[in-house]
Amino acid sequence: MSFKVAIIGAGSVGFTKTLISDLLKVPEFVGCEFALTDLNAHNLDMIRQIIEEIVAVNRLPAKVTATTDRRAAITGARYIMSCVRVGGLEAFATDISIPLKYNVDQCVGDTICAGGILYGQRNIPVILDFCKDIREVAERGALFLNYANPMAMNTWAALEYGGVDTVGLCHGVQHGAHQIAQVLGVKDSELDYVCSGINHQTWYIDLRVNGRKIDKDELIEGFERHPVYSKQEKVRIDVLKRFGVYSTESNGHLSEYLPWYRKRPGEIERWIDMSDWIHGETGGYLRYSTERRNWFETDFPQFKADASKPLAEVKRTSEHASYIIEARETGRVYRGHFNVRNNGIIRNLPADAIIESPGYVDRFGINMIEGMELPLGCAATCSVSISVQRMSVKAAVTGDLDLLKLAVLHDPLVGAICTPDEVWQMVDEMVVAQAQWLPQYADAIPGAKARLAKSTLKTSDWSGAARKVVRSVEELREMKGAHH
């Protein structure tokens, strides 16, 4: 088979390598064309060298192209994947630092909460540009696979305003299921599950081990007994006890989507674990991403050397993309969890929401399982986030600053901490700081600047409840050496 796959934001080097390696593990796909595109020519050149190395070492007929001209990369593509971070780490830093002045302490800040909402404002205009190119120059009926966060908002915008067949993809469900198998002491292959909800707030509503149903008590007991997870997943375990079901999302992520666990500085430390950023560290993902970028620059030769391993020795990952494309092209059926418009799939969530739920893929495309029902507590939590997402998407498309402020006001964690006056000023400050990535707010930014100049509202000089310093490449290398 020969068709074209375009990857936008291919400069996310490690992830692009994973996606393409997975596709090349499908025997029928070794002759495909992979078109890589990114704004960063330096990163693009690095990933081109890595992919060309994989193709050459394995003597594959695949074709690899790399261009900063996005439209050229998309031209004729049957599948287009996006893993972009608009504004990069520079904008991301303000997603974390400005809310801290208003006592909003985020671990990740890329889904909802103040950081995630602003991230969506930067991404959505760009996503709609991608959709325009896909409509105009991609192969007819092309599928857009969005891996970029904020997943639900980006997918919502592409489907409602982009006019393109789109699916949102995330690996949270697989990771959570792996944890559950571990605490139950079984192999991943022995665990069957139905997981449903919205991205990053998906719930394991049915769990079976070799057909035997697992109840809440057995799961709680398993997590509390586990020597590692009992310490790292305190928020998730508490939510499991109260809601009756386990959530897909890591401790740090989940803690910032809910109004209860990060609202007071003294409380935050009780619920997080500092053994790794993902368990709740203030700005943890920003620190991790910054260290990885710096490390990557230094260790590119090692990445390139890794690419010269034969594909036979490389394990295909559990990322959905290669399996979806394989199912659509070969008819080999794949079951996964996909982000699509609800339209009644989950009965007790709004029809327009982007939900994440089980489906099957074959030559007819993605076929979702309908008639899901979430436990009422889970549905309530998801519904709050959906309202925030709906307002955020509309604000991003229209450039309506008042609606953006309402979206942030209704965010669960922001609302638990800030007064309306603080929210209004925080949003003004964020749009001014990020103006270069927010073209839709160009007319509103002078007003925001004027209000900030006159403001008498006090902000705090707080670095968060659990902030760590970014480590240098030398420190990281020393640590790596110590581990070896």
Protein backbone atom coordinates (compact mmCIF):
# COMPACT_ATOMS: atom_id res chain seq x y z
CA MET A 1 0.00 0.00 0.00
CA SER A 2 1.14 3.52 -0.64
CA PHE A 3 -0.50 6.64 0.79
CA LYS A 4 0.72 9.82 2.40
CA VAL A 5 0.79 10.56 6.14
CA ALA A 6 1.53 14.17 7.16
CA ILE A 7 2.71 15.01 10.68
CA ILE A 8 2.30 18.64 11.76
CA GLY A 9 4.52 19.60 14.69
CA ALA A 10 6.91 16.81 13.71
CA GLY A 11 9.60 18.65 15.70
CA SER A 12 8.15 16.86 18.77
CA VAL A 13 10.95 14.48 17.94
CA GLY A 14 10.43 11.56 20.31
CA PHE A 15 6.70 11.39 19.66
CA THR A 16 7.05 11.64 15.87
CA LYS A 17 9.59 8.82 15.95
CA THR A 18 7.11 6.68 17.92
CA LEU A 19 4.20 7.37 15.55
CA ILE A 20 6.20 6.55 12.42
CA SER A 21 7.93 3.49 13.92
CA ASP A 22 4.48 2.15 14.87
CA LEU A 23 3.23 2.63 11.29
CA LEU A 24 6.32 0.96 9.82
CA LYS A 25 5.63 -2.08 12.01
CA VAL A 26 2.52 -2.69 9.85
CA PRO A 27 3.84 -4.81 6.92
CA GLU A 28 1.51 -3.18 4.37
CA PHE A 29 2.71 0.35 5.26
CA VAL A 30 6.45 0.08 4.60
CA GLY A 31 6.05 1.88 1.24
CA CYS A 32 4.12 4.89 2.55
CA GLU A 33 5.19 8.52 2.30
CA PHE A 34 5.80 10.39 5.56
CA ALA A 35 5.65 14.17 5.19
CA LEU A 36 7.10 15.97 8.21
CA THR A 37 6.39 19.63 8.83
CA ASP A 38 7.22 22.06 11.64
CA LEU A 39 7.87 25.78 12.10
CA ASN A 40 11.22 24.93 13.71
CA ALA A 41 13.58 24.03 10.83
CA HIS A 42 16.28 22.87 13.26
CA ASN A 43 14.05 20.31 15.01
CA LEU A 44 12.56 19.30 11.68
CA ASP A 45 16.00 18.49 10.32
CA MET A 46 16.78 16.39 13.40
CA ILE A 47 13.63 14.28 13.08
CA ARG A 48 14.17 13.94 9.29
CA GLN A 49 17.61 12.45 9.95
CA ILE A 50 16.18 10.04 12.54
CA ILE A 51 13.33 8.81 10.29
CA GLU A 52 15.63 8.52 7.25
CA GLU A 53 18.00 6.44 9.39
CA ILE A 54 15.16 4.05 10.38
CA VAL A 55 14.09 3.70 6.73
CA ALA A 56 17.67 3.16 5.48
CA VAL A 57 18.73 0.67 8.19
CA ASN A 58 15.62 -1.45 7.56
CA ARG A 59 15.91 -1.08 3.75
CA LEU A 60 12.31 0.06 3.43
CA PRO A 61 10.76 1.64 0.31
CA ALA A 62 9.13 4.37 2.48
CA LYS A 63 9.58 7.96 1.35
CA VAL A 64 10.45 10.71 3.87
CA THR A 65 10.04 14.43 3.15
CA ALA A 66 10.51 17.38 5.52
CA THR A 67 9.37 20.94 4.87
CA THR A 68 8.47 24.07 6.82
CA ASP A 69 5.70 24.58 4.18
CA ARG A 70 2.73 23.01 5.96
CA ARG A 71 0.42 23.17 2.95
CA ALA A 72 2.94 21.27 0.82
CA ALA A 73 3.18 18.55 3.49
CA ILE A 74 -0.63 18.21 3.67
CA THR A 75 -1.11 18.15 -0.12
CA GLY A 76 -2.41 14.72 -1.12
CA ALA A 77 -2.22 13.30 2.43
CA ARG A 78 -4.78 10.69 3.47
CA TYR A 79 -3.95 11.01 7.17
CA ILE A 80 -2.83 14.19 8.93
CA MET A 81 -1.61 14.09 12.54
CA SER A 82 -1.08 17.10 14.77
CA CYS A 83 1.17 17.23 17.84
CA VAL A 84 1.75 20.99 17.97
CA ARG A 85 2.29 23.20 21.03
CA VAL A 86 1.47 26.73 19.89
CA GLY A 87 3.66 29.27 21.67
CA GLY A 88 6.06 26.56 22.79
CA LEU A 89 7.59 26.65 26.25
CA GLU A 90 7.68 30.46 26.26
CA ALA A 91 3.88 30.76 26.28
CA PHE A 92 3.53 27.68 28.50
CA ALA A 93 5.67 29.41 31.17
CA THR A 94 3.06 32.19 31.46
CA ASP A 95 0.21 29.63 31.62
CA ILE A 96 1.78 28.59 34.93
CA SER A 97 3.39 31.77 36.31
CA ILE A 98 0.52 34.27 35.89
CA PRO A 99 -2.17 32.12 37.60
CA LEU A 100 0.27 31.60 40.52
CA LYS A 101 0.06 35.37 41.18
CA TYR A 102 -3.66 34.72 41.86
CA ASN A 103 -2.90 31.60 43.98
CA VAL A 104 -3.93 29.13 41.26
CA ASP A 105 -1.36 26.32 41.52
CA GLN A 106 -1.38 24.00 38.47
CA CYS A 107 0.68 20.87 37.90
CA VAL A 108 0.19 20.61 34.11
CA GLY A 109 -2.08 23.41 32.88
CA ASP A 110 -2.84 22.02 29.42
CA THR A 111 -6.43 20.72 29.54
CA ILE A 112 -8.67 23.08 31.50
CA CYS A 113 -7.83 25.41 34.42
CA ALA A 114 -6.42 28.85 33.52
CA GLY A 115 -3.41 27.45 31.65
CA GLY A 116 -5.35 24.90 29.61
CA ILE A 117 -7.99 27.44 28.58
CA LEU A 118 -5.36 29.92 27.35
CA TYR A 119 -3.48 27.11 25.62
CA GLY A 120 -6.71 26.39 23.75
CA GLN A 121 -6.98 30.06 22.72
CA ARG A 122 -3.52 29.82 21.13
CA ASN A 123 -4.13 26.46 19.48
CA ILE A 124 -7.61 26.80 18.02
CA PRO A 125 -6.90 29.46 15.34
CA VAL A 126 -3.95 27.33 14.19
CA ILE A 127 -6.04 24.12 14.20
CA LEU A 128 -8.60 25.89 11.99
CA ASP A 129 -5.78 26.84 9.59
CA PHE A 130 -4.78 23.16 9.44
CA CYS A 131 -8.42 22.26 8.68
CA LYS A 132 -8.56 24.81 5.85
CA ASP A 133 -5.48 23.21 4.26
CA ILE A 134 -6.92 19.71 4.76
CA ARG A 135 -10.20 20.69 3.08
CA GLU A 136 -8.39 22.32 0.17
CA VAL A 137 -5.35 20.16 -0.62
CA ALA A 138 -5.45 16.82 1.29
CA GLU A 139 -6.84 13.65 -0.27
CA ARG A 140 -10.64 13.73 -0.32
CA GLY A 141 -12.10 12.23 2.87
CA ALA A 142 -8.79 12.61 4.73
CA LEU A 143 -8.78 11.89 8.47
CA PHE A 144 -7.31 14.42 10.90
CA LEU A 145 -5.82 12.73 13.99
CA ASN A 146 -5.32 15.29 16.74
CA TYR A 147 -2.82 14.41 19.47
CA ALA A 148 -2.38 17.99 20.71
CA ASN A 149 -3.80 19.30 23.98
CA PRO A 150 -6.18 20.67 25.06
CA MET A 151 -7.58 17.57 23.36
CA ALA A 152 -11.33 18.16 23.77
CA MET A 153 -11.17 21.86 22.80
CA ASN A 154 -8.98 21.27 19.73
CA THR A 155 -11.16 18.38 18.52
CA TRP A 156 -14.34 20.38 19.21
CA ALA A 157 -13.05 23.31 17.13
CA ALA A 158 -11.94 21.07 14.24
CA LEU A 159 -15.30 19.27 14.08
CA GLU A 160 -17.58 22.26 14.61
CA TYR A 161 -15.69 25.02 12.82
CA GLY A 162 -13.04 23.22 10.74
CA GLY A 163 -15.33 21.02 8.66
CA VAL A 164 -12.90 18.08 8.71
CA ASP A 165 -13.31 14.43 9.75
CA THR A 166 -11.41 14.50 13.05
CA VAL A 167 -10.62 12.12 15.91
CA GLY A 168 -8.79 13.08 19.10
CA LEU A 169 -6.27 10.58 20.46
CA CYS A 170 -4.74 10.22 23.91
CA HIS A 171 -2.94 7.40 25.77
CA GLY A 172 -4.35 8.03 29.26
CA VAL A 173 -6.79 5.11 29.10
CA GLN A 174 -4.06 2.56 28.31
CA HIS A 175 -1.79 3.90 31.07
CA GLY A 176 -4.52 3.77 33.73
CA ALA A 177 -5.51 0.23 32.70
CA HIS A 178 -1.88 -0.86 33.09
CA GLN A 179 -1.93 0.48 36.70
CA ILE A 180 -5.17 -1.37 37.45
CA ALA A 181 -3.72 -4.65 36.13
CA GLN A 182 -0.65 -4.14 38.32
CA VAL A 183 -2.61 -3.52 41.55
CA LEU A 184 -4.83 -6.54 40.83
CA GLY A 185 -1.72 -8.64 40.17
CA VAL A 186 -2.73 -9.71 36.65
CA LYS A 187 -1.29 -9.34 33.15
CA ASP A 188 -2.54 -6.43 31.02
CA SER A 189 -4.01 -8.98 28.60
CA GLU A 190 -6.20 -10.49 31.36
CA LEU A 191 -7.90 -7.15 32.13
CA ASP A 192 -10.93 -6.05 30.08
CA TYR A 193 -12.42 -2.64 30.66
CA VAL A 194 -14.96 -0.10 29.51
CA CYS A 195 -13.71 3.42 30.05
CA SER A 196 -15.89 6.41 29.25
CA GLY A 197 -16.14 10.15 29.93
CA ILE A 198 -14.24 13.11 28.49
CA ASN A 199 -10.53 13.36 27.75
CA HIS A 200 -8.45 13.33 30.95
CA GLN A 201 -11.64 12.66 32.95
CA THR A 202 -12.45 9.19 31.70
CA TRP A 203 -13.76 6.58 34.12
CA TYR A 204 -13.30 2.79 34.26
CA ILE A 205 -17.00 2.02 34.59
CA ASP A 206 -16.62 -1.74 34.04
CA LEU A 207 -13.57 -3.83 34.94
CA ARG A 208 -13.21 -7.58 34.42
CA VAL A 209 -10.33 -9.96 34.99
CA ASN A 210 -10.74 -13.06 32.80
CA GLY A 211 -14.47 -12.29 32.79
CA ARG A 212 -14.81 -11.80 36.58
CA LYS A 213 -16.24 -8.41 37.54
CA ILE A 214 -14.02 -6.30 39.81
CA ASP A 215 -15.85 -4.23 42.42
CA LYS A 216 -14.89 -0.92 44.02
CA ASP A 217 -13.69 -2.49 47.29
CA GLU A 218 -11.29 -4.89 45.59
CA LEU A 219 -9.85 -2.02 43.56
CA ILE A 220 -9.44 0.29 46.59
CA GLU A 221 -7.75 -2.52 48.51
CA GLY A 222 -5.39 -3.14 45.57
CA PHE A 223 -4.35 0.52 45.31
CA GLU A 224 -3.95 1.00 49.07
CA ARG A 225 -1.81 -2.13 49.29
CA HIS A 226 0.45 -1.16 46.37
CA PRO A 227 3.83 0.08 47.69
CA VAL A 228 4.19 2.81 45.01
CA TYR A 229 0.72 3.84 43.86
CA SER A 230 -0.59 4.16 47.43
CA LYS A 231 1.83 7.10 47.83
CA GLN A 232 1.77 8.57 44.31
CA GLU A 233 -1.97 8.45 43.53
CA LYS A 234 -3.58 9.92 46.66
CA VAL A 235 -6.06 12.12 44.74
CA ARG A 236 -7.06 9.29 42.43
CA ILE A 237 -7.54 6.89 45.33
CA ASP A 238 -9.63 9.45 47.24
CA VAL A 239 -11.80 10.05 44.15
CA LEU A 240 -12.12 6.27 43.68
CA LYS A 241 -13.41 5.93 47.27
CA ARG A 242 -15.91 8.76 46.91
CA PHE A 243 -17.05 8.29 43.28
CA GLY A 244 -16.81 4.49 43.22
CA VAL A 245 -14.74 4.35 40.01
CA TYR A 246 -11.11 4.97 39.06
CA SER A 247 -10.13 7.88 36.80
CA THR A 248 -7.70 7.63 33.89
CA GLU A 249 -5.76 10.72 34.75
CA SER A 250 -2.56 11.02 36.74
CA ASN A 251 -2.61 12.42 40.26
CA GLY A 252 -1.27 15.83 39.15
CA HIS A 253 -3.65 16.18 36.21
CA LEU A 254 -6.75 15.08 38.13
CA SER A 255 -5.95 17.37 41.08
CA GLU A 256 -6.22 20.48 38.87
CA TYR A 257 -9.49 19.51 37.12
CA LEU A 258 -11.38 19.32 40.43
CA PRO A 259 -12.11 22.16 42.88
CA TRP A 260 -11.12 20.32 46.05
CA TYR A 261 -7.46 19.27 46.20
CA ARG A 262 -5.37 22.33 45.22
CA LYS A 263 -7.42 25.16 46.70
CA ARG A 264 -5.28 25.86 49.79
CA PRO A 265 -1.46 25.85 49.83
CA GLY A 266 -1.32 23.75 53.00
CA GLU A 267 -3.71 21.17 51.54
CA ILE A 268 -1.80 20.70 48.27
CA GLU A 269 1.17 19.02 49.93
CA ARG A 270 -1.15 16.50 51.55
CA TRP A 271 -2.42 15.27 48.20
CA ILE A 272 0.65 15.23 45.98
CA ASP A 273 3.83 13.18 45.76
CA MET A 274 7.15 14.66 44.66
CA SER A 275 8.82 11.47 43.41
CA ASP A 276 7.97 12.50 39.82
CA TRP A 277 6.47 15.66 38.28
CA ILE A 278 3.26 13.92 37.18
CA HIS A 279 2.08 13.33 40.76
CA GLY A 280 1.30 16.98 41.44
CA GLU A 281 4.43 19.18 41.48
CA THR A 282 3.70 22.88 40.80
CA GLY A 283 4.43 23.54 37.12
CA GLY A 284 5.77 19.99 36.93
CA TYR A 285 5.12 19.42 33.25
CA LEU A 286 6.70 22.76 32.31
CA ARG A 287 9.88 21.84 34.23
CA TYR A 288 9.96 18.34 32.70
CA SER A 289 9.41 19.70 29.16
CA THR A 290 12.11 22.34 29.57
CA GLU A 291 14.64 19.80 30.84
CA ARG A 292 13.80 17.42 28.03
CA ARG A 293 14.22 20.08 25.36
CA ASN A 294 17.63 21.08 26.75
CA TRP A 295 18.66 17.44 27.12
CA PHE A 296 17.54 16.57 23.60
CA GLU A 297 19.71 19.28 22.05
CA THR A 298 22.74 17.75 23.76
CA ASP A 299 21.88 14.10 23.22
CA PHE A 300 20.76 14.14 19.59
CA PRO A 301 23.64 11.81 18.54
CA GLN A 302 22.28 9.21 21.00
CA PHE A 303 18.75 9.54 19.55
CA LYS A 304 20.20 9.06 16.06
CA ALA A 305 22.17 6.01 17.17
CA ASP A 306 18.98 4.51 18.66
CA ALA A 307 17.31 4.94 15.26
CA SER A 308 19.79 2.53 13.69
CA LYS A 309 18.31 -0.42 15.61
CA PRO A 310 16.43 -2.85 13.32
CA LEU A 311 12.65 -2.37 13.54
CA ALA A 312 12.34 -6.05 14.42
CA GLU A 313 13.80 -5.12 17.82
CA VAL A 314 11.44 -2.15 18.32
CA LYS A 315 8.14 -2.87 20.08
CA ARG A 316 5.01 -1.32 18.60
CA THR A 317 3.51 1.01 21.22
CA SER A 318 -0.11 1.24 22.38
CA GLU A 319 -0.63 4.66 20.68
CA HIS A 320 -3.90 4.50 18.74
CA ALA A 321 -2.83 6.12 15.44
CA SER A 322 -1.15 3.16 13.72
CA TYR A 323 -3.98 0.80 14.71
CA ILE A 324 -6.70 3.15 13.43
CA ILE A 325 -4.94 3.54 10.09
CA GLU A 326 -4.30 -0.22 9.91
CA ALA A 327 -7.98 -0.98 10.58
CA ARG A 328 -9.21 1.54 8.00
CA GLU A 329 -6.79 0.34 5.33
CA THR A 330 -6.73 -3.45 5.90
CA GLY A 331 -10.05 -4.17 7.65
CA ARG A 332 -8.27 -5.72 10.68
CA VAL A 333 -10.64 -4.57 13.43
CA TYR A 334 -9.25 -2.43 16.27
CA ARG A 335 -10.96 -1.56 19.56
CA GLY A 336 -9.80 1.62 21.27
CA HIS A 337 -10.98 4.74 23.10
CA PHE A 338 -11.51 7.77 20.89
CA ASN A 339 -12.40 11.47 21.26
CA VAL A 340 -15.42 12.27 19.09
CA ARG A 341 -18.60 14.36 19.28
CA ASN A 342 -21.04 12.79 21.74
CA ASN A 343 -24.37 12.87 19.83
CA GLY A 344 -25.97 10.52 22.38
CA ILE A 345 -23.09 8.03 22.78
CA ILE A 346 -22.96 8.86 26.53
CA ARG A 347 -26.59 9.41 27.50
CA ASN A 348 -26.00 11.66 30.49
CA LEU A 349 -23.55 14.11 28.88
CA PRO A 350 -24.45 16.95 26.45
CA ALA A 351 -24.81 16.03 22.76
CA ASP A 352 -22.32 18.66 21.54
CA ALA A 353 -19.52 17.62 23.94
CA ILE A 354 -16.33 15.89 22.82
CA ILE A 355 -16.33 12.61 24.70
CA GLU A 356 -13.73 9.84 25.04
CA SER A 357 -15.29 6.41 24.89
CA PRO A 358 -14.85 2.93 23.36
CA GLY A 359 -15.24 2.28 19.66
CA TYR A 360 -14.22 -0.14 16.92
CA VAL A 361 -12.40 0.75 13.72
CA ASP A 362 -12.66 -1.11 10.42
CA ARG A 363 -12.87 -0.17 6.74
CA PHE A 364 -16.05 1.80 7.52
CA GLY A 365 -14.14 4.08 9.92
CA ILE A 366 -14.60 4.64 13.63
CA ASN A 367 -17.79 3.09 15.01
CA MET A 368 -18.57 4.15 18.58
CA ILE A 369 -20.46 2.06 21.15
CA GLU A 370 -23.67 3.91 22.01
CA GLY A 371 -25.83 3.95 25.10
CA MET A 372 -23.12 4.55 27.71
CA GLU A 373 -24.14 5.96 31.08
CA LEU A 374 -21.72 7.45 33.60
CA PRO A 375 -22.20 7.24 37.37
CA LEU A 376 -23.84 10.50 38.45
CA GLY A 377 -20.76 11.90 40.26
CA CYS A 378 -18.60 11.33 37.18
CA ALA A 379 -21.22 12.88 34.89
CA ALA A 380 -21.42 15.94 37.17
CA THR A 381 -17.66 16.48 37.10
CA CYS A 382 -17.47 16.00 33.32
CA SER A 383 -20.43 18.34 32.74
CA VAL A 384 -18.70 21.21 34.55
CA SER A 385 -15.59 20.79 32.38
CA ILE A 386 -17.71 20.55 29.22
CA SER A 387 -19.34 23.91 30.01
CA VAL A 388 -15.86 25.44 30.40
CA GLN A 389 -14.71 23.85 27.12
CA ARG A 390 -17.80 25.02 25.20
CA MET A 391 -17.26 28.65 26.26
CA SER A 392 -13.51 28.42 25.66
CA VAL A 393 -13.91 27.12 22.09
CA LYS A 394 -16.49 29.76 21.22
CA ALA A 395 -14.27 32.50 22.70
CA ALA A 396 -11.23 31.23 20.75
CA VAL A 397 -13.12 31.25 17.46
CA THR A 398 -14.81 34.65 17.94
CA GLY A 399 -12.12 36.51 19.94
CA ASP A 400 -14.73 37.36 22.60
CA LEU A 401 -12.69 38.38 25.68
CA ASP A 402 -15.75 38.59 27.96
CA LEU A 403 -16.70 35.02 27.08
CA LEU A 404 -13.11 33.90 27.70
CA LYS A 405 -13.29 35.46 31.17
CA LEU A 406 -16.57 33.65 31.87
CA ALA A 407 -14.96 30.36 30.80
CA VAL A 408 -12.08 30.89 33.25
CA LEU A 409 -14.53 32.03 35.98
CA HIS A 410 -16.44 28.74 35.63
CA ASP A 411 -13.31 26.60 35.76
CA PRO A 412 -13.61 24.36 38.87
CA LEU A 413 -10.19 25.08 40.39
CA VAL A 414 -10.06 28.78 39.47
CA GLY A 415 -13.57 29.22 40.89
CA ALA A 416 -12.56 27.55 44.14
CA ILE A 417 -9.75 30.10 44.65
CA CYS A 418 -10.41 33.41 42.86
CA THR A 419 -12.96 36.21 43.11
CA PRO A 420 -14.55 37.47 39.87
CA ASP A 421 -12.36 40.61 39.99
CA GLU A 422 -9.24 38.44 40.24
CA VAL A 423 -10.35 36.27 37.30
CA TRP A 424 -11.02 39.33 35.12
CA GLN A 425 -7.57 40.75 35.87
CA MET A 426 -5.77 37.41 35.53
CA VAL A 427 -7.25 36.87 32.05
CA ASP A 428 -6.32 40.43 31.03
CA GLU A 429 -2.77 39.76 32.18
CA MET A 430 -2.58 36.42 30.34
CA VAL A 431 -3.86 37.74 27.00
CA VAL A 432 -1.45 40.69 27.17
CA ALA A 433 1.48 38.36 27.92
CA GLN A 434 0.48 35.99 25.10
CA ALA A 435 -0.68 38.61 22.57
CA GLN A 436 1.68 37.41 19.82
CA TRP A 437 -0.10 34.01 19.71
CA LEU A 438 -3.65 35.41 20.07
CA PRO A 439 -4.47 37.18 16.79
CA GLN A 440 -8.21 36.90 17.45
CA TYR A 441 -7.88 39.16 20.53
CA ALA A 442 -5.89 41.92 18.79
CA ASP A 443 -8.75 44.45 19.17
CA ALA A 444 -9.31 43.57 22.86
CA ILE A 445 -5.68 43.76 24.02
CA PRO A 446 -5.30 47.59 24.21
CA GLY A 447 -8.30 47.66 26.59
CA ALA A 448 -6.77 44.89 28.70
CA LYS A 449 -3.48 46.83 28.92
CA ALA A 450 -5.30 50.00 29.97
CA ARG A 451 -7.21 48.16 32.73
CA LEU A 452 -3.99 46.57 34.04
CA ALA A 453 -2.28 49.98 34.16
CA LYS A 454 -5.06 51.36 36.40
CA SER A 455 -5.56 48.26 38.56
CA THR A 456 -5.21 48.44 42.34
CA LEU A 457 -5.84 44.71 42.85
CA LYS A 458 -3.05 43.08 44.85
CA THR A 459 -1.42 39.90 43.52
CA SER A 460 0.95 37.58 45.35
CA ASP A 461 4.57 36.76 44.66
CA TRP A 462 4.05 33.01 45.14
CA SER A 463 6.05 30.32 43.39
CA GLY A 464 3.54 27.61 44.33
CA ALA A 465 3.20 24.94 47.00
CA ALA A 466 5.66 22.51 45.42
CA ARG A 467 7.88 24.12 42.79
CA LYS A 468 11.20 22.59 41.73
CA VAL A 469 14.03 24.28 39.87
CA VAL A 470 14.79 23.30 36.25
CA ARG A 471 17.91 21.13 36.28
CA SER A 472 20.80 21.71 33.90
CA VAL A 473 21.86 19.15 31.30
CA GLU A 474 24.97 18.48 33.45
CA GLU A 475 22.81 17.70 36.50
CA LEU A 476 20.55 15.44 34.44
CA ARG A 477 23.58 13.60 33.05
CA GLU A 478 25.01 13.12 36.55
CA MET A 479 21.68 11.73 37.74
CA LYS A 480 21.46 9.39 34.74
CA GLY A 481 25.03 8.20 35.44
CA ALA A 482 24.15 7.59 39.09
CA HIS A 483 21.12 5.47 38.04
CA HIS A 484 23.31 3.38 35.73
